[in-house]
Structure formats: structure tokens, C-alpha cells
């Protein structure tokens, strides 16, 4: 009787826990020609430099040719332009404003109060947003001949009532 119980336990173990290094005969018989599925590699995108928010607005010629279903969008108003050699710091009031640089959210303004966010040479646009406040856009030009190493963006966002 004990021998039958031991054989029963061994049969259950073999059935429910097959060997890992060899496929079970049932799996081979059911799917003899199934190819191995390999994950598709995801493309990596280059960093966004030279982003111009006014490029998304339609031109006057395109607006005149298109049906007048919606009015043409205006380019965002640039509150200030800054020049620097390598990076930008944000002194924004309130300091919990969200910073979007070249269309990419980089975090809260308070994060870049003491340490600069590094930038590549070229023109960059920073959008500063906070619920209940007017959104502001600033232009940052990074070039080797600039007088300051880091641009210090100082703005007080206006409350919207």
C-alpha cells in the first residue's frame, strides 16, 4: 500500500513538474512547428534639439487654402529670451511650476533652482505651466560666445482668475 502511494506521488510530481531542460513529449506533439517568438527591438529616438513651437502652427498660405473649420493657431508668446553657454536654471514663482523644455517635461522648476539643466548648442523653448496661472514661454539660445555659463530664468507667473 505504501508503494502505491509513493508511485502516485512520483507520478504527480513528474506530471506537474516536468524537467526544465527538455520539453515534455505532450508539448512537442501538440506544437511541432511553432517558431520561437523573439521580441521586436524598440527604436530609440534622438534628443529633441532646435524645437520650435511655432512650427506646429499652420502658415498663412496653408490657412487660406484650408477650409475655415477652425481659426489658425498663433505661435506662443515668448516672455523673454536668454543666452548662455551650457545650461539653464529656473527661479520661478511659484516654484512648483512644471517646466517643459523643447516639448519634453523635465519636472518642477524648483528642481533646477540650484543646479542647472544642461543644454546642447542651439535654440530651445521652455514652457512654464501651473494650474490656475498663465502659461509662459521663454526662449533660450545656447552658443559658445555667450557671456553667462548658465541662463537664469526668473519669472513670476500671473494668477488667472
N, C-alpha and C. Protein backbone atom coordinates (compact mmCIF):
# COMPACT_ATOMS: atom_id res chain seq x y z
N UNK A 1 0.80 -1.17 0.00
CA UNK A 1 0.00 0.00 0.00
C UNK A 1 0.86 1.27 0.00
N UNK A 2 1.91 1.28 0.77
CA UNK A 2 2.82 2.42 0.81
C UNK A 2 3.50 2.58 -0.54
N UNK A 3 3.86 1.50 -1.20
CA UNK A 3 4.50 1.56 -2.51
C UNK A 3 3.57 2.20 -3.54
N UNK A 4 2.29 1.92 -3.48
CA UNK A 4 1.33 2.52 -4.40
C UNK A 4 1.23 4.02 -4.15
N UNK A 5 1.23 4.42 -2.90
CA UNK A 5 1.18 5.84 -2.55
C UNK A 5 2.42 6.58 -3.02
N UNK A 6 3.59 5.97 -2.87
CA UNK A 6 4.85 6.58 -3.33
C UNK A 6 4.83 6.73 -4.84
N UNK A 7 4.38 5.70 -5.55
CA UNK A 7 4.30 5.78 -7.01
C UNK A 7 3.32 6.87 -7.44
N UNK A 8 2.22 7.00 -6.72
CA UNK A 8 1.24 8.03 -7.03
C UNK A 8 1.84 9.43 -6.87
N UNK A 9 2.58 9.66 -5.80
CA UNK A 9 3.24 10.95 -5.56
C UNK A 9 4.27 11.22 -6.64
N UNK A 10 5.05 10.23 -7.04
CA UNK A 10 6.06 10.41 -8.09
C UNK A 10 5.37 10.74 -9.41
N UNK A 11 4.27 10.08 -9.71
CA UNK A 11 3.55 10.36 -10.95
C UNK A 11 3.02 11.79 -10.97
N UNK A 12 2.52 12.26 -9.85
CA UNK A 12 2.03 13.65 -9.77
C UNK A 12 3.18 14.63 -9.95
N UNK A 13 4.31 14.39 -9.33
CA UNK A 13 5.46 15.28 -9.45
C UNK A 13 5.95 15.32 -10.89
N UNK A 14 6.06 14.18 -11.53
CA UNK A 14 6.53 14.13 -12.92
C UNK A 14 5.53 14.81 -13.85
N UNK A 15 4.24 14.65 -13.60
CA UNK A 15 3.22 15.22 -14.46
C UNK A 15 3.15 16.74 -14.31
N UNK A 16 3.16 17.24 -13.08
CA UNK A 16 3.00 18.67 -12.86
C UNK A 16 4.31 19.45 -12.89
N UNK A 17 5.44 18.80 -12.67
CA UNK A 17 6.72 19.47 -12.67
C UNK A 17 7.66 18.78 -13.64
N UNK A 18 7.52 19.04 -14.97
CA UNK A 18 8.41 18.39 -15.93
C UNK A 18 9.82 18.96 -15.83
N UNK A 19 10.77 18.27 -16.39
CA UNK A 19 12.15 18.74 -16.38
C UNK A 19 12.25 20.03 -17.17
N UNK A 20 13.09 20.93 -16.71
CA UNK A 20 13.21 22.25 -17.34
C UNK A 20 14.10 22.22 -18.58
N UNK A 21 15.05 21.34 -18.66
CA UNK A 21 16.00 21.36 -19.76
C UNK A 21 15.52 20.57 -20.97
N UNK A 22 14.42 19.83 -20.88
CA UNK A 22 13.90 19.08 -22.01
C UNK A 22 12.40 19.33 -22.11
N UNK A 23 11.89 19.57 -23.33
CA UNK A 23 10.46 19.80 -23.48
C UNK A 23 9.69 18.51 -23.24
N UNK A 24 8.47 18.66 -22.73
CA UNK A 24 7.66 17.47 -22.48
C UNK A 24 7.20 16.89 -23.81
N UNK A 25 6.96 15.62 -23.84
CA UNK A 25 6.57 14.97 -25.08
C UNK A 25 5.20 15.47 -25.53
N UNK A 26 4.32 15.84 -24.61
CA UNK A 26 3.00 16.35 -24.99
C UNK A 26 3.13 17.70 -25.69
N UNK A 27 4.03 18.56 -25.23
CA UNK A 27 4.22 19.86 -25.85
C UNK A 27 4.80 19.72 -27.24
N UNK A 28 5.72 18.79 -27.44
CA UNK A 28 6.34 18.58 -28.74
C UNK A 28 5.32 18.04 -29.71
N UNK A 29 4.45 17.15 -29.29
CA UNK A 29 3.46 16.57 -30.17
C UNK A 29 2.38 17.57 -30.54
N UNK A 30 2.00 18.46 -29.63
CA UNK A 30 0.94 19.42 -29.92
C UNK A 30 1.42 20.54 -30.83
N UNK A 31 2.64 21.01 -30.66
CA UNK A 31 3.15 22.15 -31.42
C UNK A 31 4.48 21.81 -32.05
N UNK A 32 4.51 20.96 -33.08
CA UNK A 32 5.80 20.57 -33.64
C UNK A 32 6.48 21.67 -34.45
N UNK A 33 5.73 22.63 -35.06
CA UNK A 33 6.35 23.61 -35.94
C UNK A 33 6.19 25.03 -35.43
N UNK A 34 6.05 25.24 -34.14
CA UNK A 34 5.89 26.57 -33.59
C UNK A 34 7.26 27.24 -33.49
N UNK A 35 7.45 28.37 -34.20
CA UNK A 35 8.74 29.05 -34.12
C UNK A 35 8.88 29.80 -32.80
N UNK A 36 10.10 30.02 -32.38
CA UNK A 36 10.35 30.78 -31.16
C UNK A 36 10.05 32.25 -31.44
N UNK A 37 9.32 32.90 -30.56
CA UNK A 37 8.96 34.29 -30.73
C UNK A 37 10.00 35.14 -30.03
N UNK A 38 10.60 36.05 -30.79
CA UNK A 38 11.60 36.94 -30.21
C UNK A 38 11.01 38.34 -30.17
N UNK A 39 11.29 39.09 -29.11
CA UNK A 39 10.73 40.44 -29.01
C UNK A 39 11.31 41.36 -30.08
N UNK A 40 10.47 42.26 -30.57
CA UNK A 40 10.90 43.23 -31.56
C UNK A 40 11.61 44.38 -30.85
N UNK A 41 12.83 44.72 -31.28
CA UNK A 41 13.52 45.83 -30.61
C UNK A 41 12.81 47.15 -30.89
N UNK A 42 12.70 47.98 -29.85
CA UNK A 42 12.05 49.27 -29.98
C UNK A 42 13.07 50.30 -30.45
N UNK A 43 12.69 51.16 -31.41
CA UNK A 43 13.63 52.17 -31.88
C UNK A 43 13.88 53.23 -30.80
N UNK A 44 15.08 53.76 -30.78
CA UNK A 44 15.39 54.85 -29.85
C UNK A 44 15.31 56.16 -30.61
N UNK A 45 14.75 57.16 -29.98
CA UNK A 45 14.57 58.45 -30.62
C UNK A 45 15.70 59.39 -30.24
N UNK A 46 16.17 60.21 -31.18
CA UNK A 46 17.22 61.17 -30.85
C UNK A 46 16.64 62.27 -29.96
N UNK A 47 17.49 62.94 -29.20
CA UNK A 47 17.00 64.03 -28.35
C UNK A 47 16.45 65.17 -29.20
N UNK A 48 15.45 65.86 -28.65
CA UNK A 48 14.81 66.95 -29.39
C UNK A 48 15.64 68.22 -29.21
N UNK A 49 16.29 68.67 -30.27
CA UNK A 49 17.01 69.94 -30.24
C UNK A 49 16.46 70.81 -31.34
N UNK A 50 16.54 72.09 -31.14
CA UNK A 50 16.05 73.02 -32.15
C UNK A 50 14.53 73.00 -32.26
N UNK A 51 13.84 72.62 -31.18
CA UNK A 51 12.39 72.57 -31.20
C UNK A 51 11.84 73.97 -31.32
N UNK A 52 10.90 74.16 -32.23
CA UNK A 52 10.28 75.46 -32.43
C UNK A 52 8.78 75.30 -32.29
N UNK A 53 8.17 75.81 -31.20
CA UNK A 53 6.74 75.61 -31.02
C UNK A 53 5.91 76.29 -32.09
N UNK A 54 6.44 77.31 -32.76
CA UNK A 54 5.68 77.98 -33.81
C UNK A 54 5.62 77.15 -35.08
N UNK A 55 6.46 76.09 -35.20
CA UNK A 55 6.45 75.26 -36.40
C UNK A 55 5.17 74.45 -36.50
N UNK A 56 4.48 74.20 -35.39
CA UNK A 56 3.25 73.43 -35.43
C UNK A 56 2.06 74.27 -35.87
N UNK A 57 2.20 75.59 -35.85
CA UNK A 57 1.10 76.46 -36.28
C UNK A 57 1.07 76.51 -37.80
N UNK A 58 -0.11 76.45 -38.42
CA UNK A 58 -0.18 76.48 -39.88
C UNK A 58 0.21 77.84 -40.42
N UNK A 59 0.79 77.85 -41.61
CA UNK A 59 1.20 79.11 -42.22
C UNK A 59 -0.03 79.83 -42.77
N UNK A 60 0.14 81.08 -43.15
CA UNK A 60 -0.97 81.87 -43.67
C UNK A 60 -1.46 81.30 -44.99
N UNK A 61 -0.54 80.83 -45.84
CA UNK A 61 -0.92 80.25 -47.13
C UNK A 61 -1.71 78.97 -46.92
N UNK A 62 -1.27 78.14 -46.01
CA UNK A 62 -1.98 76.89 -45.73
C UNK A 62 -3.34 77.17 -45.10
N UNK A 63 -3.44 78.21 -44.29
CA UNK A 63 -4.70 78.54 -43.65
C UNK A 63 -5.70 79.07 -44.67
N UNK A 64 -5.21 79.81 -45.69
CA UNK A 64 -6.13 80.33 -46.69
C UNK A 64 -6.63 79.24 -47.61
N UNK A 65 -5.85 78.17 -47.82
CA UNK A 65 -6.26 77.07 -48.68
C UNK A 65 -7.16 76.09 -47.95
N UNK A 66 -6.99 75.96 -46.65
CA UNK A 66 -7.76 75.00 -45.87
C UNK A 66 -9.15 75.57 -45.61
N UNK A 67 -10.15 74.70 -45.45
CA UNK A 67 -11.47 75.21 -45.11
C UNK A 67 -11.45 75.89 -43.75
N UNK A 68 -12.30 76.86 -43.55
CA UNK A 68 -12.29 77.64 -42.32
C UNK A 68 -13.09 76.96 -41.22
N UNK A 69 -12.75 75.69 -40.93
CA UNK A 69 -13.43 74.96 -39.87
C UNK A 69 -12.96 75.44 -38.50
N UNK A 70 -11.67 75.76 -38.38
CA UNK A 70 -11.13 76.26 -37.13
C UNK A 70 -10.17 77.40 -37.41
N UNK A 71 -10.07 78.38 -36.54
CA UNK A 71 -9.14 79.50 -36.78
C UNK A 71 -7.69 79.03 -36.68
N UNK A 72 -6.80 79.75 -37.38
CA UNK A 72 -5.38 79.41 -37.36
C UNK A 72 -4.82 79.62 -35.96
N UNK A 73 -3.93 78.70 -35.53
CA UNK A 73 -3.33 78.81 -34.21
C UNK A 73 -2.18 79.82 -34.25
N UNK A 74 -2.06 80.59 -33.18
CA UNK A 74 -0.97 81.55 -33.07
C UNK A 74 0.23 80.89 -32.41
N UNK A 75 1.43 81.36 -32.75
CA UNK A 75 2.65 80.88 -32.08
C UNK A 75 2.62 81.39 -30.65
N UNK A 76 3.19 80.63 -29.72
CA UNK A 76 3.16 81.08 -28.32
C UNK A 76 3.95 82.36 -28.14
N UNK A 77 3.48 83.18 -27.23
CA UNK A 77 4.15 84.44 -26.92
C UNK A 77 5.38 84.15 -26.07
N UNK A 78 6.53 84.65 -26.48
CA UNK A 78 7.78 84.44 -25.74
C UNK A 78 7.93 85.59 -24.76
N UNK A 79 7.96 85.26 -23.47
CA UNK A 79 8.04 86.27 -22.42
C UNK A 79 9.43 86.90 -22.35
N UNK A 80 10.48 86.10 -22.61
CA UNK A 80 11.85 86.61 -22.53
C UNK A 80 12.77 85.69 -23.33
N UNK A 81 13.92 86.23 -23.72
CA UNK A 81 14.95 85.45 -24.42
C UNK A 81 16.23 85.51 -23.59
N UNK A 82 16.87 84.36 -23.41
CA UNK A 82 18.09 84.26 -22.61
C UNK A 82 19.19 83.64 -23.46
N UNK A 83 20.44 84.01 -23.17
CA UNK A 83 21.60 83.42 -23.84
C UNK A 83 22.53 82.82 -22.79
N UNK A 84 23.14 81.70 -23.13
CA UNK A 84 24.08 81.06 -22.22
C UNK A 84 25.01 80.16 -23.02
N UNK A 85 26.01 79.60 -22.31
CA UNK A 85 26.96 78.69 -22.96
C UNK A 85 26.62 77.22 -22.75
N UNK A 86 25.95 76.86 -21.61
CA UNK A 86 25.82 75.42 -21.38
C UNK A 86 24.52 74.95 -20.73
N UNK A 87 23.80 75.75 -19.95
CA UNK A 87 22.64 75.22 -19.24
C UNK A 87 21.70 76.31 -18.77
N UNK A 88 20.66 75.88 -18.06
CA UNK A 88 19.65 76.83 -17.60
C UNK A 88 19.22 76.49 -16.18
N UNK A 89 18.98 77.56 -15.39
CA UNK A 89 18.42 77.44 -14.04
C UNK A 89 17.09 78.18 -14.05
N UNK A 90 16.15 77.72 -13.21
CA UNK A 90 14.83 78.33 -13.16
C UNK A 90 14.54 78.88 -11.78
N UNK A 91 14.26 80.20 -11.72
CA UNK A 91 13.80 80.86 -10.49
C UNK A 91 12.39 81.34 -10.77
N UNK A 92 11.43 80.47 -10.59
CA UNK A 92 10.05 80.73 -10.96
C UNK A 92 9.20 80.85 -9.70
N UNK A 93 8.29 81.82 -9.71
CA UNK A 93 7.37 81.97 -8.60
C UNK A 93 5.96 81.73 -9.11
N UNK A 94 5.23 80.76 -8.64
CA UNK A 94 5.55 79.77 -7.63
C UNK A 94 6.51 78.70 -8.18
N UNK A 95 7.35 78.17 -7.29
CA UNK A 95 8.41 77.26 -7.72
C UNK A 95 7.92 75.85 -8.05
N UNK A 96 6.64 75.57 -7.86
CA UNK A 96 6.11 74.25 -8.21
C UNK A 96 5.64 74.18 -9.66
N UNK A 97 5.90 75.23 -10.45
CA UNK A 97 5.52 75.24 -11.86
C UNK A 97 6.24 74.12 -12.61
N UNK A 98 5.56 73.53 -13.58
CA UNK A 98 6.13 72.46 -14.39
C UNK A 98 6.89 73.07 -15.55
N UNK A 99 8.09 72.53 -15.83
CA UNK A 99 8.93 73.02 -16.93
C UNK A 99 8.90 71.99 -18.05
N UNK A 100 8.52 72.44 -19.23
CA UNK A 100 8.55 71.60 -20.43
C UNK A 100 9.58 72.24 -21.35
N UNK A 101 10.65 71.52 -21.64
CA UNK A 101 11.75 72.05 -22.45
C UNK A 101 11.76 71.33 -23.79
N UNK A 102 11.61 72.07 -24.86
CA UNK A 102 11.57 71.52 -26.23
C UNK A 102 10.53 70.42 -26.35
N UNK A 103 9.39 70.60 -25.72
CA UNK A 103 8.30 69.64 -25.81
C UNK A 103 8.42 68.45 -24.87
N UNK A 104 9.44 68.43 -24.03
CA UNK A 104 9.67 67.31 -23.11
C UNK A 104 9.59 67.81 -21.67
N UNK A 105 8.73 67.18 -20.86
CA UNK A 105 8.56 67.57 -19.46
C UNK A 105 9.81 67.18 -18.68
N UNK A 106 10.47 68.17 -18.07
CA UNK A 106 11.69 67.88 -17.30
C UNK A 106 11.47 67.98 -15.79
N UNK A 107 10.26 68.36 -15.35
CA UNK A 107 9.98 68.37 -13.92
C UNK A 107 9.59 69.74 -13.40
N UNK A 108 9.63 69.88 -12.09
CA UNK A 108 9.27 71.13 -11.42
C UNK A 108 10.42 72.12 -11.49
N UNK A 109 10.07 73.41 -11.52
CA UNK A 109 11.08 74.46 -11.60
C UNK A 109 12.02 74.44 -10.40
N UNK A 110 11.50 74.07 -9.22
CA UNK A 110 12.33 74.06 -8.01
C UNK A 110 13.50 73.07 -8.13
N UNK A 111 13.36 72.06 -8.99
CA UNK A 111 14.43 71.08 -9.18
C UNK A 111 15.68 71.72 -9.78
N UNK A 112 15.49 72.75 -10.60
CA UNK A 112 16.61 73.39 -11.30
C UNK A 112 16.86 74.81 -10.77
N UNK A 113 16.64 75.01 -9.47
CA UNK A 113 16.92 76.30 -8.86
C UNK A 113 18.41 76.43 -8.54
N UNK A 114 18.99 75.41 -7.92
CA UNK A 114 20.41 75.45 -7.55
C UNK A 114 21.31 74.74 -8.56
N UNK A 115 20.78 73.77 -9.28
CA UNK A 115 21.59 73.06 -10.27
C UNK A 115 21.01 73.30 -11.66
N UNK A 116 21.89 73.47 -12.63
CA UNK A 116 21.47 73.81 -13.98
C UNK A 116 21.09 72.56 -14.77
N UNK A 117 20.12 72.72 -15.66
CA UNK A 117 19.75 71.66 -16.60
C UNK A 117 20.64 71.85 -17.83
N UNK A 118 21.44 70.85 -18.21
CA UNK A 118 22.37 71.01 -19.33
C UNK A 118 21.65 71.08 -20.67
N UNK A 119 22.14 71.93 -21.55
CA UNK A 119 21.56 72.10 -22.89
C UNK A 119 22.64 71.99 -23.96
N UNK A 120 22.26 71.52 -25.12
CA UNK A 120 23.17 71.48 -26.26
C UNK A 120 23.09 72.81 -27.00
N UNK A 121 24.12 73.15 -27.77
CA UNK A 121 24.07 74.41 -28.54
C UNK A 121 22.86 74.45 -29.47
N UNK A 122 22.26 75.62 -29.56
CA UNK A 122 21.08 75.80 -30.40
C UNK A 122 20.02 76.60 -29.66
N UNK A 123 18.83 76.66 -30.26
CA UNK A 123 17.72 77.41 -29.69
C UNK A 123 16.75 76.44 -29.02
N UNK A 124 16.36 76.76 -27.82
CA UNK A 124 15.45 75.91 -27.03
C UNK A 124 14.31 76.77 -26.51
N UNK A 125 13.14 76.12 -26.31
CA UNK A 125 11.99 76.80 -25.76
C UNK A 125 11.55 76.09 -24.49
N UNK A 126 11.35 76.87 -23.42
CA UNK A 126 10.88 76.32 -22.14
C UNK A 126 9.49 76.88 -21.87
N UNK A 127 8.54 75.96 -21.61
CA UNK A 127 7.18 76.36 -21.29
C UNK A 127 6.97 76.11 -19.80
N UNK A 128 6.49 77.12 -19.09
CA UNK A 128 6.28 77.06 -17.64
C UNK A 128 4.78 77.09 -17.38
N UNK A 129 4.29 75.99 -16.76
CA UNK A 129 2.86 75.87 -16.55
C UNK A 129 2.55 75.51 -15.10
N UNK A 130 1.41 75.99 -14.63
CA UNK A 130 0.89 75.64 -13.31
C UNK A 130 -0.60 75.95 -13.34
N UNK A 131 -1.39 75.01 -12.85
CA UNK A 131 -2.84 75.18 -12.87
C UNK A 131 -3.22 76.43 -12.08
N UNK A 132 -4.07 77.26 -12.70
CA UNK A 132 -4.50 78.49 -12.06
C UNK A 132 -3.61 79.68 -12.39
N UNK A 133 -2.56 79.46 -13.21
CA UNK A 133 -1.64 80.52 -13.59
C UNK A 133 -1.50 80.56 -15.11
N UNK A 134 -1.15 81.73 -15.64
CA UNK A 134 -0.96 81.86 -17.08
C UNK A 134 0.34 81.17 -17.50
N UNK A 135 0.27 80.38 -18.55
CA UNK A 135 1.45 79.68 -19.06
C UNK A 135 2.37 80.68 -19.74
N UNK A 136 3.67 80.58 -19.46
CA UNK A 136 4.68 81.45 -20.06
C UNK A 136 5.68 80.61 -20.83
N UNK A 137 6.18 81.16 -21.92
CA UNK A 137 7.20 80.50 -22.73
C UNK A 137 8.42 81.41 -22.81
N UNK A 138 9.61 80.84 -22.61
CA UNK A 138 10.86 81.59 -22.75
C UNK A 138 11.74 80.91 -23.79
N UNK A 139 12.56 81.70 -24.43
CA UNK A 139 13.48 81.22 -25.46
C UNK A 139 14.88 81.24 -24.88
N UNK A 140 15.61 80.14 -25.06
CA UNK A 140 16.98 80.04 -24.54
C UNK A 140 17.90 79.70 -25.71
N UNK A 141 18.87 80.57 -25.96
CA UNK A 141 19.82 80.37 -27.04
C UNK A 141 21.16 79.96 -26.42
N UNK A 142 21.63 78.78 -26.79
CA UNK A 142 22.90 78.28 -26.26
C UNK A 142 23.94 78.43 -27.36
N UNK A 143 24.99 79.22 -27.05
CA UNK A 143 26.08 79.42 -28.02
C UNK A 143 27.37 79.64 -27.26
N UNK A 144 28.47 79.32 -27.92
CA UNK A 144 29.78 79.39 -27.25
C UNK A 144 30.20 80.81 -26.89
N UNK A 145 29.74 81.82 -27.60
CA UNK A 145 30.15 83.20 -27.35
C UNK A 145 29.30 83.93 -26.32
N UNK A 146 28.38 83.27 -25.65
CA UNK A 146 27.52 83.93 -24.67
C UNK A 146 28.33 84.33 -23.43
N UNK A 147 27.89 85.38 -22.77
CA UNK A 147 28.64 85.89 -21.61
C UNK A 147 28.44 85.05 -20.35
N UNK A 148 27.27 84.43 -20.20
CA UNK A 148 26.99 83.64 -18.99
C UNK A 148 27.07 82.15 -19.29
N UNK A 149 27.57 81.41 -18.31
CA UNK A 149 27.64 79.96 -18.46
C UNK A 149 26.23 79.35 -18.43
N UNK A 150 25.40 79.79 -17.48
CA UNK A 150 24.02 79.29 -17.36
C UNK A 150 23.05 80.45 -17.45
N UNK A 151 21.92 80.20 -18.13
CA UNK A 151 20.85 81.19 -18.17
C UNK A 151 20.06 81.06 -16.88
N UNK A 152 19.74 82.19 -16.25
CA UNK A 152 18.95 82.19 -15.02
C UNK A 152 17.58 82.76 -15.36
N UNK A 153 16.62 81.87 -15.60
CA UNK A 153 15.27 82.29 -15.98
C UNK A 153 14.53 82.69 -14.71
N UNK A 154 14.17 83.98 -14.61
CA UNK A 154 13.45 84.50 -13.45
C UNK A 154 12.11 85.03 -13.93
N UNK A 155 11.04 84.38 -13.46
CA UNK A 155 9.69 84.79 -13.85
C UNK A 155 8.73 84.63 -12.68
N UNK A 156 7.74 85.51 -12.64
CA UNK A 156 6.64 85.36 -11.69
C UNK A 156 5.40 85.11 -12.53
N UNK A 157 4.83 83.91 -12.39
CA UNK A 157 3.65 83.56 -13.17
C UNK A 157 2.44 84.35 -12.65
N UNK A 158 1.62 84.82 -13.59
CA UNK A 158 0.45 85.62 -13.24
C UNK A 158 -0.75 84.72 -12.96
N UNK A 159 -1.44 84.99 -11.85
CA UNK A 159 -2.61 84.21 -11.44
C UNK A 159 -3.75 84.49 -12.41
N UNK A 160 -4.50 83.43 -12.79
CA UNK A 160 -5.66 83.57 -13.66
C UNK A 160 -6.89 83.47 -12.78
N UNK A 161 -7.78 84.44 -12.91
CA UNK A 161 -8.99 84.46 -12.06
C UNK A 161 -10.19 84.03 -12.85
